[in-house]
Amino acid sequence: MAITFSKEQEERLITSIKRYFLESMDDDIGDLRASLFLEFCLKEIAPTIYNRAVADAQAFMQDKVADIEGSCHEPEFGYWRRT
């Protein structure tokens, strides 16, 4: 699944990348370089992060589903219980 952003999100990401390069590397890059760096990150790095996030979500949901009987079980015919 390709990771895409709205135009506004992409603009904010590019602004953030430009700021990062300026403040961390003392390199004032332009929109084109920031855009190319963002494209590289989305193609090379983002899929690994995305896949890990999906795997973490699956593991979380599987744990919840495995525990559903224990947390969502109500004893039947409890009205006439002996005290």
PDB file of N, CA and C in Angstrom:
ATOM      1  N   MET A   1       0.847  -1.175   0.000  1.00  0.00           N
ATOM      2  CA  MET A   1       0.000   0.000   0.000  1.00  0.00           C
ATOM      3  C   MET A   1       0.893   1.238   0.000  1.00  0.00           C
ATOM      4  N   ALA A   2       0.734   2.063  -0.980  1.00  0.00           N
ATOM      5  CA  ALA A   2       1.525   3.291  -1.071  1.00  0.00           C
ATOM      6  C   ALA A   2       1.060   4.289  -0.020  1.00  0.00           C
ATOM      7  N   ILE A   3       2.011   4.958   0.584  1.00  0.00           N
ATOM      8  CA  ILE A   3       1.695   5.962   1.590  1.00  0.00           C
ATOM      9  C   ILE A   3       1.589   7.302   0.877  1.00  0.00           C
ATOM     10  N   THR A   4       0.452   7.935   1.035  1.00  0.00           N
ATOM     11  CA  THR A   4       0.217   9.222   0.383  1.00  0.00           C
ATOM     12  C   THR A   4      -0.244  10.236   1.420  1.00  0.00           C
ATOM     13  N   PHE A   5      -0.080  11.493   1.085  1.00  0.00           N
ATOM     14  CA  PHE A   5      -0.472  12.578   1.963  1.00  0.00           C
ATOM     15  C   PHE A   5      -1.283  13.594   1.176  1.00  0.00           C
ATOM     16  N   SER A   6      -2.072  14.373   1.895  1.00  0.00           N
ATOM     17  CA  SER A   6      -2.760  15.485   1.252  1.00  0.00           C
ATOM     18  C   SER A   6      -1.720  16.534   0.875  1.00  0.00           C
ATOM     19  N   LYS A   7      -2.104  17.463   0.048  1.00  0.00           N
ATOM     20  CA  LYS A   7      -1.187  18.536  -0.372  1.00  0.00           C
ATOM     21  C   LYS A   7      -0.715  19.325   0.850  1.00  0.00           C
ATOM     22  N   GLU A   8      -1.630  19.601   1.774  1.00  0.00           N
ATOM     23  CA  GLU A   8      -1.272  20.347   2.978  1.00  0.00           C
ATOM     24  C   GLU A   8      -0.266  19.578   3.833  1.00  0.00           C
ATOM     25  N   GLN A   9      -0.492  18.277   3.994  1.00  0.00           N
ATOM     26  CA  GLN A   9       0.436  17.461   4.771  1.00  0.00           C
ATOM     27  C   GLN A   9       1.810  17.425   4.112  1.00  0.00           C
ATOM     28  N   GLU A  10       1.828  17.275   2.802  1.00  0.00           N
ATOM     29  CA  GLU A  10       3.098  17.237   2.079  1.00  0.00           C
ATOM     30  C   GLU A  10       3.857  18.555   2.244  1.00  0.00           C
ATOM     31  N   GLU A  11       3.147  19.664   2.169  1.00  0.00           N
ATOM     32  CA  GLU A  11       3.790  20.968   2.348  1.00  0.00           C
ATOM     33  C   GLU A  11       4.378  21.095   3.751  1.00  0.00           C
ATOM     34  N   ARG A  12       3.643  20.626   4.755  1.00  0.00           N
ATOM     35  CA  ARG A  12       4.155  20.682   6.133  1.00  0.00           C
ATOM     36  C   ARG A  12       5.365  19.781   6.309  1.00  0.00           C
ATOM     37  N   LEU A  13       5.347  18.617   5.664  1.00  0.00           N
ATOM     38  CA  LEU A  13       6.497  17.715   5.739  1.00  0.00           C
ATOM     39  C   LEU A  13       7.725  18.336   5.093  1.00  0.00           C
ATOM     40  N   ILE A  14       7.533  18.944   3.943  1.00  0.00           N
ATOM     41  CA  ILE A  14       8.649  19.591   3.251  1.00  0.00           C
ATOM     42  C   ILE A  14       9.209  20.734   4.097  1.00  0.00           C
ATOM     43  N   THR A  15       8.334  21.518   4.697  1.00  0.00           N
ATOM     44  CA  THR A  15       8.778  22.598   5.582  1.00  0.00           C
ATOM     45  C   THR A  15       9.566  22.037   6.759  1.00  0.00           C
ATOM     46  N   SER A  16       9.098  20.945   7.325  1.00  0.00           N
ATOM     47  CA  SER A  16       9.781  20.323   8.453  1.00  0.00           C
ATOM     48  C   SER A  16      11.156  19.780   8.051  1.00  0.00           C
ATOM     49  N   ILE A  17      11.228  19.165   6.879  1.00  0.00           N
ATOM     50  CA  ILE A  17      12.506  18.642   6.380  1.00  0.00           C
ATOM     51  C   ILE A  17      13.497  19.782   6.170  1.00  0.00           C
ATOM     52  N   LYS A  18      13.043  20.862   5.560  1.00  0.00           N
ATOM     53  CA  LYS A  18      13.916  22.009   5.329  1.00  0.00           C
ATOM     54  C   LYS A  18      14.434  22.566   6.652  1.00  0.00           C
ATOM     55  N   ARG A  19      13.561  22.655   7.635  1.00  0.00           N
ATOM     56  CA  ARG A  19      13.974  23.152   8.954  1.00  0.00           C
ATOM     57  C   ARG A  19      14.981  22.206   9.604  1.00  0.00           C
ATOM     58  N   TYR A  20      14.727  20.910   9.486  1.00  0.00           N
ATOM     59  CA  TYR A  20      15.645  19.927  10.060  1.00  0.00           C
ATOM     60  C   TYR A  20      17.043  20.081   9.461  1.00  0.00           C
ATOM     61  N   PHE A  21      17.121  20.160   8.149  1.00  0.00           N
ATOM     62  CA  PHE A  21      18.423  20.298   7.497  1.00  0.00           C
ATOM     63  C   PHE A  21      19.121  21.590   7.917  1.00  0.00           C
ATOM     64  N   LEU A  22      18.350  22.664   8.039  1.00  0.00           N
ATOM     65  CA  LEU A  22      18.946  23.943   8.408  1.00  0.00           C
ATOM     66  C   LEU A  22      19.455  23.918   9.851  1.00  0.00           C
ATOM     67  N   GLU A  23      18.635  23.410  10.774  1.00  0.00           N
ATOM     68  CA  GLU A  23      18.999  23.456  12.192  1.00  0.00           C
ATOM     69  C   GLU A  23      19.970  22.346  12.593  1.00  0.00           C
ATOM     70  N   SER A  24      19.870  21.186  11.983  1.00  0.00           N
ATOM     71  CA  SER A  24      20.711  20.058  12.393  1.00  0.00           C
ATOM     72  C   SER A  24      21.982  19.909  11.569  1.00  0.00           C
ATOM     73  N   MET A  25      21.933  20.357  10.316  1.00  0.00           N
ATOM     74  CA  MET A  25      23.075  20.146   9.429  1.00  0.00           C
ATOM     75  C   MET A  25      23.615  21.447   8.848  1.00  0.00           C
ATOM     76  N   ASP A  26      23.017  22.548   9.276  1.00  0.00           N
ATOM     77  CA  ASP A  26      23.441  23.861   8.792  1.00  0.00           C
ATOM     78  C   ASP A  26      23.435  23.913   7.264  1.00  0.00           C
ATOM     79  N   ASP A  27      22.390  23.329   6.670  1.00  0.00           N
ATOM     80  CA  ASP A  27      22.272  23.247   5.214  1.00  0.00           C
ATOM     81  C   ASP A  27      20.894  23.770   4.823  1.00  0.00           C
ATOM     82  N   ASP A  28      20.867  24.899   4.139  1.00  0.00           N
ATOM     83  CA  ASP A  28      19.608  25.520   3.733  1.00  0.00           C
ATOM     84  C   ASP A  28      19.184  24.941   2.386  1.00  0.00           C
ATOM     85  N   ILE A  29      18.385  23.870   2.436  1.00  0.00           N
ATOM     86  CA  ILE A  29      17.954  23.220   1.190  1.00  0.00           C
ATOM     87  C   ILE A  29      16.649  23.845   0.715  1.00  0.00           C
ATOM     88  N   GLY A  30      16.389  23.702  -0.565  1.00  0.00           N
ATOM     89  CA  GLY A  30      15.173  24.252  -1.140  1.00  0.00           C
ATOM     90  C   GLY A  30      14.048  23.228  -1.163  1.00  0.00           C
ATOM     91  N   ASP A  31      12.938  23.674  -1.730  1.00  0.00           N
ATOM     92  CA  ASP A  31      11.760  22.807  -1.815  1.00  0.00           C
ATOM     93  C   ASP A  31      12.027  21.548  -2.631  1.00  0.00           C
ATOM     94  N   LEU A  32      12.771  21.683  -3.731  1.00  0.00           N
ATOM     95  CA  LEU A  32      13.028  20.527  -4.590  1.00  0.00           C
ATOM     96  C   LEU A  32      13.822  19.456  -3.844  1.00  0.00           C
ATOM     97  N   ARG A  33      14.905  19.847  -3.208  1.00  0.00           N
ATOM     98  CA  ARG A  33      15.715  18.873  -2.465  1.00  0.00           C
ATOM     99  C   ARG A  33      14.912  18.252  -1.323  1.00  0.00           C
ATOM    100  N   ALA A  34      14.131  19.050  -0.625  1.00  0.00           N
ATOM    101  CA  ALA A  34      13.314  18.529   0.470  1.00  0.00           C
ATOM    102  C   ALA A  34      12.260  17.565  -0.066  1.00  0.00           C
ATOM    103  N   SER A  35      11.676  17.897  -1.201  1.00  0.00           N
ATOM    104  CA  SER A  35      10.681  17.037  -1.824  1.00  0.00           C
ATOM    105  C   SER A  35      11.294  15.708  -2.264  1.00  0.00           C
ATOM    106  N   LEU A  36      12.481  15.768  -2.843  1.00  0.00           N
ATOM    107  CA  LEU A  36      13.172  14.543  -3.266  1.00  0.00           C
ATOM    108  C   LEU A  36      13.549  13.682  -2.058  1.00  0.00           C
ATOM    109  N   PHE A  37      13.977  14.324  -0.975  1.00  0.00           N
ATOM    110  CA  PHE A  37      14.302  13.587   0.245  1.00  0.00           C
ATOM    111  C   PHE A  37      13.046  12.925   0.814  1.00  0.00           C
ATOM    112  N   LEU A  38      11.928  13.645   0.804  1.00  0.00           N
ATOM    113  CA  LEU A  38      10.663  13.081   1.270  1.00  0.00           C
ATOM    114  C   LEU A  38      10.266  11.885   0.416  1.00  0.00           C
ATOM    115  N   GLU A  39      10.406  12.009  -0.894  1.00  0.00           N
ATOM    116  CA  GLU A  39      10.084  10.902  -1.800  1.00  0.00           C
ATOM    117  C   GLU A  39      10.955   9.681  -1.495  1.00  0.00           C
ATOM    118  N   PHE A  40      12.253   9.901  -1.261  1.00  0.00           N
ATOM    119  CA  PHE A  40      13.144   8.807  -0.897  1.00  0.00           C
ATOM    120  C   PHE A  40      12.681   8.135   0.394  1.00  0.00           C
ATOM    121  N   CYS A  41      12.386   8.936   1.396  1.00  0.00           N
ATOM    122  CA  CYS A  41      11.934   8.377   2.683  1.00  0.00           C
ATOM    123  C   CYS A  41      10.662   7.564   2.526  1.00  0.00           C
ATOM    124  N   LEU A  42       9.737   8.073   1.717  1.00  0.00           N
ATOM    125  CA  LEU A  42       8.467   7.365   1.520  1.00  0.00           C
ATOM    126  C   LEU A  42       8.658   6.046   0.783  1.00  0.00           C
ATOM    127  N   LYS A  43       9.594   6.002  -0.137  1.00  0.00           N
ATOM    128  CA  LYS A  43       9.813   4.772  -0.899  1.00  0.00           C
ATOM    129  C   LYS A  43      10.728   3.787  -0.192  1.00  0.00           C
ATOM    130  N   GLU A  44      11.704   4.293   0.551  1.00  0.00           N
ATOM    131  CA  GLU A  44      12.728   3.419   1.123  1.00  0.00           C
ATOM    132  C   GLU A  44      12.506   3.096   2.602  1.00  0.00           C
ATOM    133  N   ILE A  45      12.078   4.058   3.386  1.00  0.00           N
ATOM    134  CA  ILE A  45      12.002   3.887   4.832  1.00  0.00           C
ATOM    135  C   ILE A  45      10.576   3.644   5.327  1.00  0.00           C
ATOM    136  N   ALA A  46       9.637   4.391   4.784  1.00  0.00           N
ATOM    137  CA  ALA A  46       8.256   4.334   5.272  1.00  0.00           C
ATOM    138  C   ALA A  46       7.622   2.945   5.214  1.00  0.00           C
ATOM    139  N   PRO A  47       7.855   2.133   4.166  1.00  0.00           N
ATOM    140  CA  PRO A  47       7.229   0.810   4.149  1.00  0.00           C
ATOM    141  C   PRO A  47       7.639  -0.059   5.339  1.00  0.00           C
ATOM    142  N   THR A  48       8.881   0.045   5.769  1.00  0.00           N
ATOM    143  CA  THR A  48       9.327  -0.733   6.928  1.00  0.00           C
ATOM    144  C   THR A  48       8.595  -0.281   8.187  1.00  0.00           C
ATOM    145  N   ILE A  49       8.478   1.019   8.358  1.00  0.00           N
ATOM    146  CA  ILE A  49       7.772   1.557   9.524  1.00  0.00           C
ATOM    147  C   ILE A  49       6.293   1.187   9.459  1.00  0.00           C
ATOM    148  N   TYR A  50       5.695   1.317   8.287  1.00  0.00           N
ATOM    149  CA  TYR A  50       4.280   0.977   8.109  1.00  0.00           C
ATOM    150  C   TYR A  50       4.026  -0.497   8.415  1.00  0.00           C
ATOM    151  N   ASN A  51       4.865  -1.374   7.873  1.00  0.00           N
ATOM    152  CA  ASN A  51       4.696  -2.810   8.105  1.00  0.00           C
ATOM    153  C   ASN A  51       4.833  -3.150   9.582  1.00  0.00           C
ATOM    154  N   ARG A  52       5.757  -2.499  10.270  1.00  0.00           N
ATOM    155  CA  ARG A  52       5.921  -2.734  11.704  1.00  0.00           C
ATOM    156  C   ARG A  52       4.692  -2.273  12.470  1.00  0.00           C
ATOM    157  N   ALA A  53       4.158  -1.135  12.100  1.00  0.00           N
ATOM    158  CA  ALA A  53       2.956  -0.615  12.762  1.00  0.00           C
ATOM    159  C   ALA A  53       1.770  -1.551  12.555  1.00  0.00           C
ATOM    160  N   VAL A  54       1.618  -2.064  11.347  1.00  0.00           N
ATOM    161  CA  VAL A  54       0.538  -3.014  11.069  1.00  0.00           C
ATOM    162  C   VAL A  54       0.732  -4.295  11.877  1.00  0.00           C
ATOM    163  N   ALA A  55       1.954  -4.801  11.945  1.00  0.00           N
ATOM    164  CA  ALA A  55       2.233  -6.010  12.726  1.00  0.00           C
ATOM    165  C   ALA A  55       1.953  -5.777  14.206  1.00  0.00           C
ATOM    166  N   ASP A  56       2.325  -4.624  14.721  1.00  0.00           N
ATOM    167  CA  ASP A  56       2.043  -4.297  16.124  1.00  0.00           C
ATOM    168  C   ASP A  56       0.541  -4.222  16.372  1.00  0.00           C
ATOM    169  N   ALA A  57      -0.194  -3.613  15.449  1.00  0.00           N
ATOM    170  CA  ALA A  57      -1.652  -3.523  15.591  1.00  0.00           C
ATOM    171  C   ALA A  57      -2.288  -4.910  15.527  1.00  0.00           C
ATOM    172  N   GLN A  58      -1.792  -5.761  14.624  1.00  0.00           N
ATOM    173  CA  GLN A  58      -2.314  -7.125  14.537  1.00  0.00           C
ATOM    174  C   GLN A  58      -2.064  -7.891  15.828  1.00  0.00           C
ATOM    175  N   ALA A  59      -0.877  -7.783  16.376  1.00  0.00           N
ATOM    176  CA  ALA A  59      -0.547  -8.481  17.620  1.00  0.00           C
ATOM    177  C   ALA A  59      -1.432  -7.982  18.761  1.00  0.00           C
ATOM    178  N   PHE A  60      -1.634  -6.686  18.828  1.00  0.00           N
ATOM    179  CA  PHE A  60      -2.500  -6.109  19.859  1.00  0.00           C
ATOM    180  C   PHE A  60      -3.923  -6.650  19.731  1.00  0.00           C
ATOM    181  N   MET A  61      -4.448  -6.645  18.512  1.00  0.00           N
ATOM    182  CA  MET A  61      -5.818  -7.119  18.300  1.00  0.00           C
ATOM    183  C   MET A  61      -5.930  -8.621  18.560  1.00  0.00           C
ATOM    184  N   GLN A  62      -4.939  -9.398  18.175  1.00  0.00           N
ATOM    185  CA  GLN A  62      -4.966 -10.835  18.431  1.00  0.00           C
ATOM    186  C   GLN A  62      -4.964 -11.122  19.926  1.00  0.00           C
ATOM    187  N   ASP A  63      -4.202 -10.355  20.700  1.00  0.00           N
ATOM    188  CA  ASP A  63      -4.212 -10.514  22.155  1.00  0.00           C
ATOM    189  C   ASP A  63      -5.588 -10.206  22.726  1.00  0.00           C
ATOM    190  N   LYS A  64      -6.220  -9.151  22.218  1.00  0.00           N
ATOM    191  CA  LYS A  64      -7.554  -8.785  22.704  1.00  0.00           C
ATOM    192  C   LYS A  64      -8.587  -9.844  22.328  1.00  0.00           C
ATOM    193  N   VAL A  65      -8.506 -10.374  21.113  1.00  0.00           N
ATOM    194  CA  VAL A  65      -9.450 -11.396  20.666  1.00  0.00           C
ATOM    195  C   VAL A  65      -9.239 -12.694  21.448  1.00  0.00           C
ATOM    196  N   ALA A  66      -7.988 -13.035  21.717  1.00  0.00           N
ATOM    197  CA  ALA A  66      -7.700 -14.250  22.473  1.00  0.00           C
ATOM    198  C   ALA A  66      -8.260 -14.163  23.889  1.00  0.00           C
ATOM    199  N   ASP A  67      -8.352 -12.962  24.436  1.00  0.00           N
ATOM    200  CA  ASP A  67      -8.831 -12.769  25.806  1.00  0.00           C
ATOM    201  C   ASP A  67     -10.320 -12.434  25.863  1.00  0.00           C
ATOM    202  N   ILE A  68     -10.997 -12.444  24.732  1.00  0.00           N
ATOM    203  CA  ILE A  68     -12.392 -11.998  24.709  1.00  0.00           C
ATOM    204  C   ILE A  68     -13.305 -12.896  25.557  1.00  0.00           C
ATOM    205  N   GLU A  69     -13.069 -14.189  25.559  1.00  0.00           N
ATOM    206  CA  GLU A  69     -13.920 -15.071  26.356  1.00  0.00           C
ATOM    207  C   GLU A  69     -13.746 -14.789  27.842  1.00  0.00           C
ATOM    208  N   GLY A  70     -12.526 -14.558  28.272  1.00  0.00           N
ATOM    209  CA  GLY A  70     -12.276 -14.281  29.679  1.00  0.00           C
ATOM    210  C   GLY A  70     -12.826 -12.944  30.133  1.00  0.00           C
ATOM    211  N   SER A  71     -12.791 -11.961  29.270  1.00  0.00           N
ATOM    212  CA  SER A  71     -13.232 -10.630  29.678  1.00  0.00           C
ATOM    213  C   SER A  71     -14.685 -10.341  29.320  1.00  0.00           C
ATOM    214  N   CYS A  72     -15.267 -11.136  28.467  1.00  0.00           N
ATOM    215  CA  CYS A  72     -16.648 -10.874  28.036  1.00  0.00           C
ATOM    216  C   CYS A  72     -17.571 -12.058  28.310  1.00  0.00           C
ATOM    217  N   HIS A  73     -17.259 -12.836  29.306  1.00  0.00           N
ATOM    218  CA  HIS A  73     -18.080 -14.005  29.607  1.00  0.00           C
ATOM    219  C   HIS A  73     -18.956 -13.716  30.815  1.00  0.00           C
ATOM    220  N   GLU A  74     -20.232 -14.076  30.716  1.00  0.00           N
ATOM    221  CA  GLU A  74     -21.174 -13.925  31.814  1.00  0.00           C
ATOM    222  C   GLU A  74     -21.759 -15.300  32.125  1.00  0.00           C
ATOM    223  N   PRO A  75     -21.656 -15.745  33.360  1.00  0.00           N
ATOM    224  CA  PRO A  75     -22.223 -17.053  33.699  1.00  0.00           C
ATOM    225  C   PRO A  75     -23.734 -17.097  33.398  1.00  0.00           C
ATOM    226  N   GLU A  76     -24.176 -18.246  32.940  1.00  0.00           N
ATOM    227  CA  GLU A  76     -25.593 -18.405  32.601  1.00  0.00           C
ATOM    228  C   GLU A  76     -26.374 -18.960  33.789  1.00  0.00           C
ATOM    229  N   PHE A  77     -27.627 -18.772  33.746  1.00  0.00           N
ATOM    230  CA  PHE A  77     -28.570 -19.297  34.750  1.00  0.00           C
ATOM    231  C   PHE A  77     -28.136 -18.943  36.165  1.00  0.00           C
ATOM    232  N   GLY A  78     -27.823 -17.706  36.406  1.00  0.00           N
ATOM    233  CA  GLY A  78     -27.330 -17.265  37.693  1.00  0.00           C
ATOM    234  C   GLY A  78     -28.397 -16.824  38.674  1.00  0.00           C
ATOM    235  N   TYR A  79     -29.637 -16.789  38.235  1.00  0.00           N
ATOM    236  CA  TYR A  79     -30.702 -16.301  39.123  1.00  0.00           C
ATOM    237  C   TYR A  79     -30.873 -17.204  40.343  1.00  0.00           C
ATOM    238  N   TRP A  80     -30.825 -18.522  40.129  1.00  0.00           N
ATOM    239  CA  TRP A  80     -31.082 -19.473  41.195  1.00  0.00           C
ATOM    240  C   TRP A  80     -29.828 -20.001  41.861  1.00  0.00           C
ATOM    241  N   ARG A  81     -28.805 -19.207  41.870  1.00  0.00           N
ATOM    242  CA  ARG A  81     -27.576 -19.632  42.522  1.00  0.00           C
ATOM    243  C   ARG A  81     -27.805 -19.838  44.008  1.00  0.00           C
ATOM    244  N   ARG A  82     -27.065 -20.783  44.528  1.00  0.00           N
ATOM    245  CA  ARG A  82     -27.138 -20.996  45.961  1.00  0.00           C
ATOM    246  C   ARG A  82     -26.203 -20.012  46.657  1.00  0.00           C
ATOM    247  N   THR A  83     -26.575 -19.563  47.794  1.00  0.00           N
ATOM    248  CA  THR A  83     -25.736 -18.645  48.558  1.00  0.00           C
ATOM    249  C   THR A  83     -24.978 -19.352  49.639  1.00  0.00           C
TER     250      THR A  83
END
